[in-house]
């Protein structure tokens, strides 16, 4: 195995030394997508929907936000075995998240000159991404959305391009 093909830890200070070889954002791709990013920043949801229609992710007039009733409909469209697997998996993820949360403790310690520590608090909103299309990963929905809910996040959003029924069903269960 050549030295260049081995995995190694790269420190942030080393990234700039290696130039674009280690830059996580390809400059050519950034130039191509920057107008899209700018359009969404300037136009918000309206621009996002227009682009989704343009690129075939939504049909004209179709909403990019689904109500819970659509998620429930997707869940109910699955066969019994699929629904049971989703529910059982969700229960296991929830149990683990609850146990994990119990291990996170607030900390305060006295240091020379004062106190130091941390608190553990949920964010107000969380966005969860789930791959869609030909290779959906409903497990991504379960592991991120359920963990966020258990942590106490008040508002959880799931984004998925062209979500399958099983991805929508996972969002319902989560």
C-alpha atoms as a PDB file:
ATOM      1  CA  UNK A   1       0.000   0.000   0.000  1.00  0.00           C
ATOM      2  CA  UNK A   2       1.471   3.338  -0.977  1.00  0.00           C
ATOM      3  CA  UNK A   3       1.924   6.056   1.625  1.00  0.00           C
ATOM      4  CA  UNK A   4      -0.560   8.322  -0.190  1.00  0.00           C
ATOM      5  CA  UNK A   5      -3.380   5.746   0.024  1.00  0.00           C
ATOM      6  CA  UNK A   6      -3.180   5.296   3.802  1.00  0.00           C
ATOM      7  CA  UNK A   7      -5.666   7.022   6.057  1.00  0.00           C
ATOM      8  CA  UNK A   8      -4.140   9.514   8.437  1.00  0.00           C
ATOM      9  CA  UNK A   9      -5.256  12.271  10.750  1.00  0.00           C
ATOM     10  CA  UNK A  10      -4.944  15.752   9.245  1.00  0.00           C
ATOM     11  CA  UNK A  11      -4.855  18.710  11.569  1.00  0.00           C
ATOM     12  CA  UNK A  12      -6.717  21.893  10.585  1.00  0.00           C
ATOM     13  CA  UNK A  13      -3.397  23.728  10.347  1.00  0.00           C
ATOM     14  CA  UNK A  14      -2.236  21.229   7.703  1.00  0.00           C
ATOM     15  CA  UNK A  15      -5.170  21.748   5.360  1.00  0.00           C
ATOM     16  CA  UNK A  16      -3.936  25.111   4.085  1.00  0.00           C
ATOM     17  CA  UNK A  17      -0.381  23.718   3.620  1.00  0.00           C
ATOM     18  CA  UNK A  18      -1.663  21.162   1.115  1.00  0.00           C
ATOM     19  CA  UNK A  19      -3.761  23.656  -0.845  1.00  0.00           C
ATOM     20  CA  UNK A  20      -6.770  22.451  -2.797  1.00  0.00           C
ATOM     21  CA  UNK A  21      -5.664  18.812  -2.452  1.00  0.00           C
ATOM     22  CA  UNK A  22      -7.301  18.718   0.993  1.00  0.00           C
ATOM     23  CA  UNK A  23      -9.941  21.412   0.489  1.00  0.00           C
ATOM     24  CA  UNK A  24     -13.288  19.756   1.254  1.00  0.00           C
ATOM     25  CA  UNK A  25     -15.088  21.943  -1.306  1.00  0.00           C
ATOM     26  CA  UNK A  26     -14.170  21.488  -4.958  1.00  0.00           C
ATOM     27  CA  UNK A  27     -13.700  24.977  -6.455  1.00  0.00           C
ATOM     28  CA  UNK A  28     -15.277  24.078  -9.828  1.00  0.00           C
ATOM     29  CA  UNK A  29     -18.382  22.630  -8.195  1.00  0.00           C
ATOM     30  CA  UNK A  30     -18.652  25.626  -5.878  1.00  0.00           C
ATOM     31  CA  UNK A  31     -18.637  27.968  -8.891  1.00  0.00           C
ATOM     32  CA  UNK A  32     -21.445  25.935 -10.493  1.00  0.00           C
ATOM     33  CA  UNK A  33     -23.678  25.759  -7.408  1.00  0.00           C
ATOM     34  CA  UNK A  34     -23.037  29.226  -5.958  1.00  0.00           C
ATOM     35  CA  UNK A  35     -25.804  30.859  -8.077  1.00  0.00           C
ATOM     36  CA  UNK A  36     -28.276  28.269  -6.736  1.00  0.00           C
ATOM     37  CA  UNK A  37     -27.195  28.876  -3.139  1.00  0.00           C
ATOM     38  CA  UNK A  38     -27.452  32.643  -3.683  1.00  0.00           C
ATOM     39  CA  UNK A  39     -30.912  32.280  -5.260  1.00  0.00           C
ATOM     40  CA  UNK A  40     -32.210  30.320  -2.245  1.00  0.00           C
ATOM     41  CA  UNK A  41     -30.607  32.763   0.209  1.00  0.00           C
ATOM     42  CA  UNK A  42     -32.271  35.699  -1.528  1.00  0.00           C
ATOM     43  CA  UNK A  43     -35.605  34.098  -2.418  1.00  0.00           C
ATOM     44  CA  UNK A  44     -36.156  31.768   0.528  1.00  0.00           C
ATOM     45  CA  UNK A  45     -38.821  29.057   0.298  1.00  0.00           C
ATOM     46  CA  UNK A  46     -40.249  30.460  -2.929  1.00  0.00           C
ATOM     47  CA  UNK A  47     -36.890  30.098  -4.681  1.00  0.00           C
ATOM     48  CA  UNK A  48     -36.353  26.679  -3.131  1.00  0.00           C
ATOM     49  CA  UNK A  49     -39.666  25.414  -4.516  1.00  0.00           C
ATOM     50  CA  UNK A  50     -38.975  26.931  -7.957  1.00  0.00           C
ATOM     51  CA  UNK A  51     -35.622  25.156  -8.091  1.00  0.00           C
ATOM     52  CA  UNK A  52     -37.130  21.873  -6.852  1.00  0.00           C
ATOM     53  CA  UNK A  53     -39.640  22.052  -9.722  1.00  0.00           C
ATOM     54  CA  UNK A  54     -36.896  23.003 -12.194  1.00  0.00           C
ATOM     55  CA  UNK A  55     -34.747  20.025 -11.182  1.00  0.00           C
ATOM     56  CA  UNK A  56     -37.672  17.576 -11.073  1.00  0.00           C
ATOM     57  CA  UNK A  57     -37.868  17.077  -7.308  1.00  0.00           C
ATOM     58  CA  UNK A  58     -41.382  18.563  -7.075  1.00  0.00           C
ATOM     59  CA  UNK A  59     -44.286  18.891  -9.464  1.00  0.00           C
ATOM     60  CA  UNK A  60     -45.786  22.321 -10.098  1.00  0.00           C
ATOM     61  CA  UNK A  61     -48.150  23.145  -7.230  1.00  0.00           C
ATOM     62  CA  UNK A  62     -46.856  20.327  -5.022  1.00  0.00           C
ATOM     63  CA  UNK A  63     -45.926  21.295  -1.458  1.00  0.00           C
ATOM     64  CA  UNK A  64     -42.404  20.794  -0.177  1.00  0.00           C
ATOM     65  CA  UNK A  65     -43.726  20.395   3.376  1.00  0.00           C
ATOM     66  CA  UNK A  66     -45.903  17.405   4.177  1.00  0.00           C
ATOM     67  CA  UNK A  67     -48.502  17.351   6.950  1.00  0.00           C
ATOM     68  CA  UNK A  68     -48.414  14.588   9.567  1.00  0.00           C
ATOM     69  CA  UNK A  69     -51.491  13.071   7.914  1.00  0.00           C
ATOM     70  CA  UNK A  70     -49.391  12.323   4.784  1.00  0.00           C
ATOM     71  CA  UNK A  71     -46.721  10.671   6.919  1.00  0.00           C
ATOM     72  CA  UNK A  72     -49.397   8.559   8.625  1.00  0.00           C
ATOM     73  CA  UNK A  73     -50.847   7.622   5.239  1.00  0.00           C
ATOM     74  CA  UNK A  74     -47.386   6.457   4.102  1.00  0.00           C
ATOM     75  CA  UNK A  75     -46.993   4.409   7.304  1.00  0.00           C
ATOM     76  CA  UNK A  76     -50.398   2.773   6.833  1.00  0.00           C
ATOM     77  CA  UNK A  77     -49.580   1.935   3.212  1.00  0.00           C
ATOM     78  CA  UNK A  78     -46.754  -0.363   4.311  1.00  0.00           C
ATOM     79  CA  UNK A  79     -47.419  -4.022   4.936  1.00  0.00           C
ATOM     80  CA  UNK A  80     -47.709  -5.218   8.546  1.00  0.00           C
ATOM     81  CA  UNK A  81     -44.181  -6.628   8.672  1.00  0.00           C
ATOM     82  CA  UNK A  82     -42.653  -3.337   7.479  1.00  0.00           C
ATOM     83  CA  UNK A  83     -44.694  -1.324   9.987  1.00  0.00           C
ATOM     84  CA  UNK A  84     -43.634  -3.657  12.813  1.00  0.00           C
ATOM     85  CA  UNK A  85     -39.964  -3.427  11.820  1.00  0.00           C
ATOM     86  CA  UNK A  86     -40.137   0.380  11.748  1.00  0.00           C
ATOM     87  CA  UNK A  87     -41.884   0.525  15.109  1.00  0.00           C
ATOM     88  CA  UNK A  88     -39.544  -2.006  16.725  1.00  0.00           C
ATOM     89  CA  UNK A  89     -36.496  -0.157  15.387  1.00  0.00           C
ATOM     90  CA  UNK A  90     -37.888   3.177  16.560  1.00  0.00           C
ATOM     91  CA  UNK A  91     -38.480   1.748  20.033  1.00  0.00           C
ATOM     92  CA  UNK A  92     -34.900   0.465  20.201  1.00  0.00           C
ATOM     93  CA  UNK A  93     -33.448   3.789  19.017  1.00  0.00           C
ATOM     94  CA  UNK A  94     -35.618   5.639  21.551  1.00  0.00           C
ATOM     95  CA  UNK A  95     -34.543   3.335  24.401  1.00  0.00           C
ATOM     96  CA  UNK A  96     -30.884   3.822  23.552  1.00  0.00           C
ATOM     97  CA  UNK A  97     -31.295   7.606  23.258  1.00  0.00           C
ATOM     98  CA  UNK A  98     -33.017   7.722  26.650  1.00  0.00           C
ATOM     99  CA  UNK A  99     -30.220   5.715  28.267  1.00  0.00           C
ATOM    100  CA  UNK A 100     -27.587   7.796  26.512  1.00  0.00           C
ATOM    101  CA  UNK A 101     -29.205  11.016  27.739  1.00  0.00           C
ATOM    102  CA  UNK A 102     -28.957   9.768  31.333  1.00  0.00           C
ATOM    103  CA  UNK A 103     -25.160   9.641  31.001  1.00  0.00           C
ATOM    104  CA  UNK A 104     -24.914  13.312  30.049  1.00  0.00           C
ATOM    105  CA  UNK A 105     -24.490  15.334  33.183  1.00  0.00           C
ATOM    106  CA  UNK A 106     -23.994  18.976  33.903  1.00  0.00           C
ATOM    107  CA  UNK A 107     -20.578  19.799  35.284  1.00  0.00           C
ATOM    108  CA  UNK A 108     -19.196  22.601  37.405  1.00  0.00           C
ATOM    109  CA  UNK A 109     -15.727  22.591  38.879  1.00  0.00           C
ATOM    110  CA  UNK A 110     -13.696  25.102  40.837  1.00  0.00           C
ATOM    111  CA  UNK A 111     -10.538  26.304  39.153  1.00  0.00           C
ATOM    112  CA  UNK A 112      -7.970  28.781  40.345  1.00  0.00           C
ATOM    113  CA  UNK A 113      -9.747  32.093  39.911  1.00  0.00           C
ATOM    114  CA  UNK A 114     -13.279  30.863  39.346  1.00  0.00           C
ATOM    115  CA  UNK A 115     -15.576  28.164  38.065  1.00  0.00           C
ATOM    116  CA  UNK A 116     -15.715  26.216  34.816  1.00  0.00           C
ATOM    117  CA  UNK A 117     -18.255  23.788  33.503  1.00  0.00           C
ATOM    118  CA  UNK A 118     -20.949  22.989  31.015  1.00  0.00           C
ATOM    119  CA  UNK A 119     -24.672  22.462  30.830  1.00  0.00           C
ATOM    120  CA  UNK A 120     -26.606  20.018  28.685  1.00  0.00           C
ATOM    121  CA  UNK A 121     -29.568  21.639  26.963  1.00  0.00           C
ATOM    122  CA  UNK A 122     -31.463  20.844  23.774  1.00  0.00           C
ATOM    123  CA  UNK A 123     -31.537  23.210  20.853  1.00  0.00           C
ATOM    124  CA  UNK A 124     -34.937  24.693  19.984  1.00  0.00           C
ATOM    125  CA  UNK A 125     -35.063  23.278  16.435  1.00  0.00           C
ATOM    126  CA  UNK A 126     -33.281  20.420  14.663  1.00  0.00           C
ATOM    127  CA  UNK A 127     -33.026  19.601  10.993  1.00  0.00           C
ATOM    128  CA  UNK A 128     -32.501  15.953  10.078  1.00  0.00           C
ATOM    129  CA  UNK A 129     -31.444  14.764   6.625  1.00  0.00           C
ATOM    130  CA  UNK A 130     -32.421  11.405   5.169  1.00  0.00           C
ATOM    131  CA  UNK A 131     -31.170  10.228   1.777  1.00  0.00           C
ATOM    132  CA  UNK A 132     -34.015   9.561  -0.631  1.00  0.00           C
ATOM    133  CA  UNK A 133     -34.339   8.480  -4.226  1.00  0.00           C
ATOM    134  CA  UNK A 134     -33.261   4.991  -5.276  1.00  0.00           C
ATOM    135  CA  UNK A 135     -31.497   4.159  -2.007  1.00  0.00           C
ATOM    136  CA  UNK A 136     -33.576   5.549   0.860  1.00  0.00           C
ATOM    137  CA  UNK A 137     -32.296   5.276   4.404  1.00  0.00           C
ATOM    138  CA  UNK A 138     -35.252   5.419   6.792  1.00  0.00           C
ATOM    139  CA  UNK A 139     -32.804   4.532   9.563  1.00  0.00           C
ATOM    140  CA  UNK A 140     -31.351   8.045   9.169  1.00  0.00           C
ATOM    141  CA  UNK A 141     -34.752   9.477  10.048  1.00  0.00           C
ATOM    142  CA  UNK A 142     -35.172   7.206  13.053  1.00  0.00           C
ATOM    143  CA  UNK A 143     -31.696   7.746  14.480  1.00  0.00           C
ATOM    144  CA  UNK A 144     -31.657  11.534  14.074  1.00  0.00           C
ATOM    145  CA  UNK A 145     -35.266  12.578  14.664  1.00  0.00           C
ATOM    146  CA  UNK A 146     -35.865  10.255  17.622  1.00  0.00           C
ATOM    147  CA  UNK A 147     -32.579  11.276  19.248  1.00  0.00           C
ATOM    148  CA  UNK A 148     -33.540  14.935  18.831  1.00  0.00           C
ATOM    149  CA  UNK A 149     -36.968  14.377  20.369  1.00  0.00           C
ATOM    150  CA  UNK A 150     -35.535  12.437  23.320  1.00  0.00           C
ATOM    151  CA  UNK A 151     -33.011  15.247  23.849  1.00  0.00           C
ATOM    152  CA  UNK A 152     -35.943  17.634  24.235  1.00  0.00           C
ATOM    153  CA  UNK A 153     -35.820  19.455  20.909  1.00  0.00           C
ATOM    154  CA  UNK A 154     -39.178  21.216  20.505  1.00  0.00           C
ATOM    155  CA  UNK A 155     -39.308  21.290  16.706  1.00  0.00           C
ATOM    156  CA  UNK A 156     -37.823  18.546  14.522  1.00  0.00           C
ATOM    157  CA  UNK A 157     -37.769  18.806  10.722  1.00  0.00           C
ATOM    158  CA  UNK A 158     -36.811  16.035   8.322  1.00  0.00           C
ATOM    159  CA  UNK A 159     -35.552  16.795   4.810  1.00  0.00           C
ATOM    160  CA  UNK A 160     -35.298  14.135   2.140  1.00  0.00           C
ATOM    161  CA  UNK A 161     -35.068  14.450  -1.636  1.00  0.00           C
ATOM    162  CA  UNK A 162     -37.789  12.422  -3.317  1.00  0.00           C
ATOM    163  CA  UNK A 163     -38.634  10.536  -0.110  1.00  0.00           C
ATOM    164  CA  UNK A 164     -39.927   7.007  -0.427  1.00  0.00           C
ATOM    165  CA  UNK A 165     -42.996   5.788   1.469  1.00  0.00           C
ATOM    166  CA  UNK A 166     -40.776   4.017   3.979  1.00  0.00           C
ATOM    167  CA  UNK A 167     -38.851   7.263   4.648  1.00  0.00           C
ATOM    168  CA  UNK A 168     -42.118   9.149   5.175  1.00  0.00           C
ATOM    169  CA  UNK A 169     -43.348   6.311   7.401  1.00  0.00           C
ATOM    170  CA  UNK A 170     -40.152   6.523   9.457  1.00  0.00           C
ATOM    171  CA  UNK A 171     -40.782  10.248   9.946  1.00  0.00           C
ATOM    172  CA  UNK A 172     -44.263   9.404  11.195  1.00  0.00           C
ATOM    173  CA  UNK A 173     -42.944   6.832  13.687  1.00  0.00           C
ATOM    174  CA  UNK A 174     -40.181   9.186  14.844  1.00  0.00           C
END
